[in-house]
Protein backbone atom coordinates (compact mmCIF):
# COMPACT_ATOMS: atom_id res chain seq x y z
CA MET A 1 0.00 0.00 0.00
CA LYS A 2 1.42 3.39 -1.04
CA LEU A 3 1.48 6.56 1.06
CA LYS A 4 -0.62 9.18 -0.74
CA LEU A 5 1.25 12.46 -0.32
CA GLY A 6 -0.03 15.90 -1.28
CA ILE A 7 2.50 18.34 -2.78
CA PRO A 8 1.34 21.98 -2.85
CA LYS A 9 0.69 23.16 -6.39
CA GLY A 10 1.58 26.72 -7.30
CA SER A 11 3.86 29.13 -5.49
CA LEU A 12 5.19 26.57 -2.96
CA GLU A 13 5.62 23.76 -5.50
CA ASN A 14 9.29 24.34 -6.40
CA ALA A 15 10.32 25.04 -2.80
CA THR A 16 8.61 21.80 -1.68
CA ILE A 17 10.28 19.73 -4.40
CA ASP A 18 13.63 21.27 -3.41
CA LEU A 19 12.95 20.41 0.23
CA PHE A 20 12.40 16.77 -0.74
CA ARG A 21 15.51 16.84 -2.94
CA ARG A 22 17.62 17.89 0.04
CA ALA A 23 16.06 15.02 2.00
CA GLY A 24 17.17 12.54 -0.69
CA PHE A 25 13.99 12.24 -2.77
CA HIS A 26 13.70 13.15 -6.44
CA ILE A 27 10.28 14.45 -7.51
CA SER A 28 9.61 15.35 -11.13
CA THR A 29 6.53 17.15 -12.37
CA SER A 30 4.83 17.58 -15.72
CA SER A 31 2.55 20.41 -16.79
CA ARG A 32 0.16 17.74 -18.14
CA SER A 33 -0.25 15.75 -14.92
CA TYR A 34 -1.31 16.27 -11.33
CA PHE A 35 0.64 13.17 -10.29
CA PRO A 36 4.39 13.91 -9.97
CA ALA A 37 6.82 11.01 -10.16
CA ILE A 38 8.95 10.23 -7.10
CA ASP A 39 11.86 7.82 -6.76
CA ASP A 40 10.28 5.94 -3.86
CA PRO A 41 7.94 3.07 -4.78
CA GLU A 42 6.08 3.41 -1.47
CA ILE A 43 4.97 7.02 -2.10
CA GLU A 44 2.39 8.34 -4.55
CA CYS A 45 2.37 12.12 -5.00
CA MET A 46 -0.49 14.36 -6.01
CA LEU A 47 -0.41 18.11 -6.72
CA ILE A 48 -3.09 19.95 -4.73
CA ARG A 49 -3.55 23.65 -4.03
CA ALA A 50 -2.23 24.48 -0.55
CA GLN A 51 -5.59 26.09 0.20
CA GLU A 52 -7.36 22.73 -0.24
CA MET A 53 -4.70 20.34 1.13
CA ALA A 54 -6.05 20.02 4.68
CA ARG A 55 -9.54 19.10 3.40
CA TYR A 56 -8.10 16.35 1.18
CA VAL A 57 -6.25 14.90 4.19
CA GLU A 58 -9.29 15.25 6.47
CA ASP A 59 -11.48 13.47 3.90
CA GLY A 60 -8.97 10.60 3.54
CA ILE A 61 -8.16 11.28 -0.11
CA LEU A 62 -4.54 11.89 0.97
CA ASP A 63 -2.62 10.29 3.85
CA ALA A 64 -0.49 13.39 4.36
CA GLY A 65 0.16 16.74 2.69
CA LEU A 66 2.23 19.88 2.98
CA THR A 67 0.38 23.12 3.59
CA GLY A 68 0.48 26.15 5.84
CA ARG A 69 -1.06 26.30 9.30
CA ASP A 70 -3.01 29.30 8.02
CA TRP A 71 -4.91 27.07 5.57
CA ILE A 72 -5.51 24.39 8.20
CA GLN A 73 -6.99 27.04 10.47
CA GLU A 74 -8.89 28.71 7.64
CA ASN A 75 -10.60 25.43 6.72
CA GLU A 76 -10.97 24.41 10.39
CA ALA A 77 -9.73 21.00 9.23
CA ASP A 78 -9.58 18.13 11.71
CA VAL A 79 -6.00 17.07 10.93
CA ILE A 80 -2.80 16.62 12.94
CA ALA A 81 0.35 18.64 12.22
CA VAL A 82 3.14 16.07 12.50
CA ALA A 83 6.07 18.38 11.67
CA ASP A 84 6.87 22.06 11.23
CA LEU A 85 8.80 22.53 8.01
CA ILE A 86 10.06 26.10 7.96
CA TYR A 87 10.28 27.10 4.32
CA ALA A 88 8.54 29.48 1.94
CA LYS A 89 8.52 30.54 -1.69
CA GLN A 90 11.62 32.70 -1.45
CA SER A 91 13.23 31.92 1.89
CA PHE A 92 13.37 29.58 4.86
CA GLY A 93 11.66 32.06 7.16
CA LYS A 94 8.20 31.85 8.66
CA VAL A 95 5.32 33.63 6.98
CA ARG A 96 4.04 36.60 8.96
CA TRP A 97 0.80 38.56 8.59
CA VAL A 98 0.97 42.32 9.05
CA LEU A 99 -1.53 45.14 8.77
CA ALA A 100 -0.15 47.79 6.40
CA VAL A 101 -1.70 51.01 5.17
CA PRO A 102 -0.51 53.92 3.00
CA GLU A 103 1.29 56.57 5.04
CA ALA A 104 -1.48 59.10 4.50
CA SER A 105 -4.27 56.64 5.37
CA SER A 106 -6.91 57.52 7.92
CA PHE A 107 -6.67 53.92 9.22
CA LEU A 108 -4.28 54.02 12.19
CA SER A 109 -5.11 50.72 13.92
CA VAL A 110 -7.10 47.54 13.38
CA ARG A 111 -9.92 49.11 15.41
CA ASP A 112 -10.46 51.58 12.58
CA LEU A 113 -11.90 48.67 10.57
CA GLU A 114 -14.98 48.52 12.81
CA GLY A 115 -18.05 48.36 10.58
CA LYS A 116 -16.00 48.30 7.37
CA ILE A 117 -16.20 45.90 4.42
CA VAL A 118 -13.29 43.49 3.87
CA ALA A 119 -12.49 41.39 0.77
CA THR A 120 -10.10 38.49 1.43
CA GLU A 121 -9.20 34.95 0.41
CA LEU A 122 -8.90 34.03 4.11
CA VAL A 123 -12.46 34.72 5.28
CA ALA A 124 -12.48 32.66 8.51
CA THR A 125 -8.94 33.72 9.48
CA THR A 126 -9.74 37.39 8.94
CA LYS A 127 -12.93 37.10 11.01
CA ARG A 128 -10.94 35.53 13.87
CA TYR A 129 -8.19 38.18 13.61
CA LEU A 130 -10.70 41.02 13.78
CA ALA A 131 -12.67 39.35 16.60
CA ALA A 132 -9.46 38.91 18.63
CA HIS A 133 -9.06 42.68 18.42
CA GLY A 134 -12.70 43.35 19.30
CA VAL A 135 -13.52 44.50 15.77
CA LYS A 136 -16.67 43.55 13.86
CA ALA A 137 -16.56 44.22 10.15
CA GLU A 138 -19.83 44.90 8.38
CA HIS A 139 -19.09 42.21 5.79
CA ILE A 140 -16.17 39.89 5.01
CA SER A 141 -16.24 38.21 1.61
CA ASP A 142 -14.08 35.94 -0.52
CA TRP A 143 -12.62 37.20 -3.78
CA THR A 144 -11.43 35.03 -6.65
CA ASN A 145 -10.09 35.63 -10.15
CA THR A 146 -12.15 33.68 -12.67
CA GLY A 147 -11.29 35.67 -15.81
CA ASP A 148 -8.29 36.84 -17.80
CA LEU A 149 -7.56 39.79 -15.52
CA THR A 150 -4.28 40.32 -13.72
CA ALA A 151 -4.44 39.54 -10.01
CA VAL A 152 -4.63 43.22 -9.05
CA GLU A 153 -7.28 43.93 -11.71
CA ALA A 154 -9.36 41.00 -10.46
CA LEU A 155 -8.98 42.14 -6.88
CA PHE A 156 -10.07 45.70 -7.60
CA ALA A 157 -12.94 44.48 -9.79
CA SER A 158 -14.13 42.51 -6.77
CA LEU A 159 -13.60 45.50 -4.50
CA ASP A 160 -15.78 47.61 -6.80
CA THR A 161 -18.68 45.20 -6.32
CA GLN A 162 -18.07 44.71 -2.58
CA ASP A 163 -17.25 48.30 -1.61
CA ALA A 164 -14.45 46.87 0.56
CA ASP A 165 -12.46 48.79 3.16
CA LEU A 166 -9.47 46.41 3.57
CA ILE A 167 -7.39 44.16 1.29
CA VAL A 168 -5.99 40.89 2.71
CA ALA A 169 -3.37 39.24 0.45
CA GLY A 170 -0.08 37.34 0.29
CA ALA A 171 3.14 39.15 -0.55
CA PHE A 172 6.20 38.68 -2.77
CA GLY A 173 5.67 35.59 -4.94
CA HIS A 174 8.87 36.78 -6.62
CA SER A 175 11.90 38.17 -4.81
CA ARG A 176 11.79 41.81 -3.71
CA LEU A 177 14.55 42.57 -6.23
CA TYR A 178 12.53 41.03 -9.09
CA GLU A 179 9.40 42.95 -8.13
CA GLY A 180 11.42 46.14 -7.66
CA LEU A 181 12.85 45.85 -11.16
CA PHE A 182 9.92 44.37 -13.09
CA GLY A 183 6.90 45.08 -10.93
CA GLY A 184 4.39 42.62 -9.56
CA VAL A 185 1.24 42.20 -7.52
CA THR A 186 2.86 43.04 -4.18
CA MET A 187 4.35 46.31 -5.41
CA ASP A 188 1.11 47.22 -7.21
CA LEU A 189 -0.86 46.67 -4.00
CA LEU A 190 1.64 48.56 -1.86
CA HIS A 191 1.60 51.55 -4.22
CA GLN A 192 -2.16 51.82 -4.45
CA GLN A 193 -3.42 54.57 -2.17
CA SER A 194 -7.10 53.73 -1.92
CA LEU A 195 -7.25 50.99 0.75
CA PRO A 196 -5.24 49.58 3.67
CA VAL A 197 -3.60 46.21 2.98
CA LEU A 198 -3.09 43.22 5.33
CA MET A 199 -0.27 41.18 3.75
CA SER A 200 1.62 37.98 4.58
CA HIS A 201 5.23 37.22 3.66
């Protein structure tokens, strides 16, 4: 019987494969398959979005998977964390959430979000964060990109329909140097002056 192992698809994919390489395993992927090959006959890999990994493990589709604690908590999944693997897309540091606003913003603390509208991918996490600070937002909604828009265009299209007061998003899928030279979602979000941004990196 093989161990069914979930490998995070997307931004953590290469860092995860490199982590396994340093542990002595060779994983190879193909753009045409969700089942990477691994040089261990007792393991069967499957590419799954990190956001969904904990649910696949909870439902028994996978025996184990690599994902962030933020997604386990977001999905309120009944799973056990057996190891803390400290790695990320660009570094070996822990991911940290911060509340950031433009310098001229009228938002000076998390309490200024009382009664505001928030658009985020982490709905449950954001609700818990605000509740821990005694803040009740008027509405917290999920936003997704289902078209051919850039990430920032999709986000602001969603904000237009939601009339949101806060953006919650990840940061720096590329290195800071790359984004500084060529631009990117993080820099675009940081340079917009219309809304405060809660970012993780």
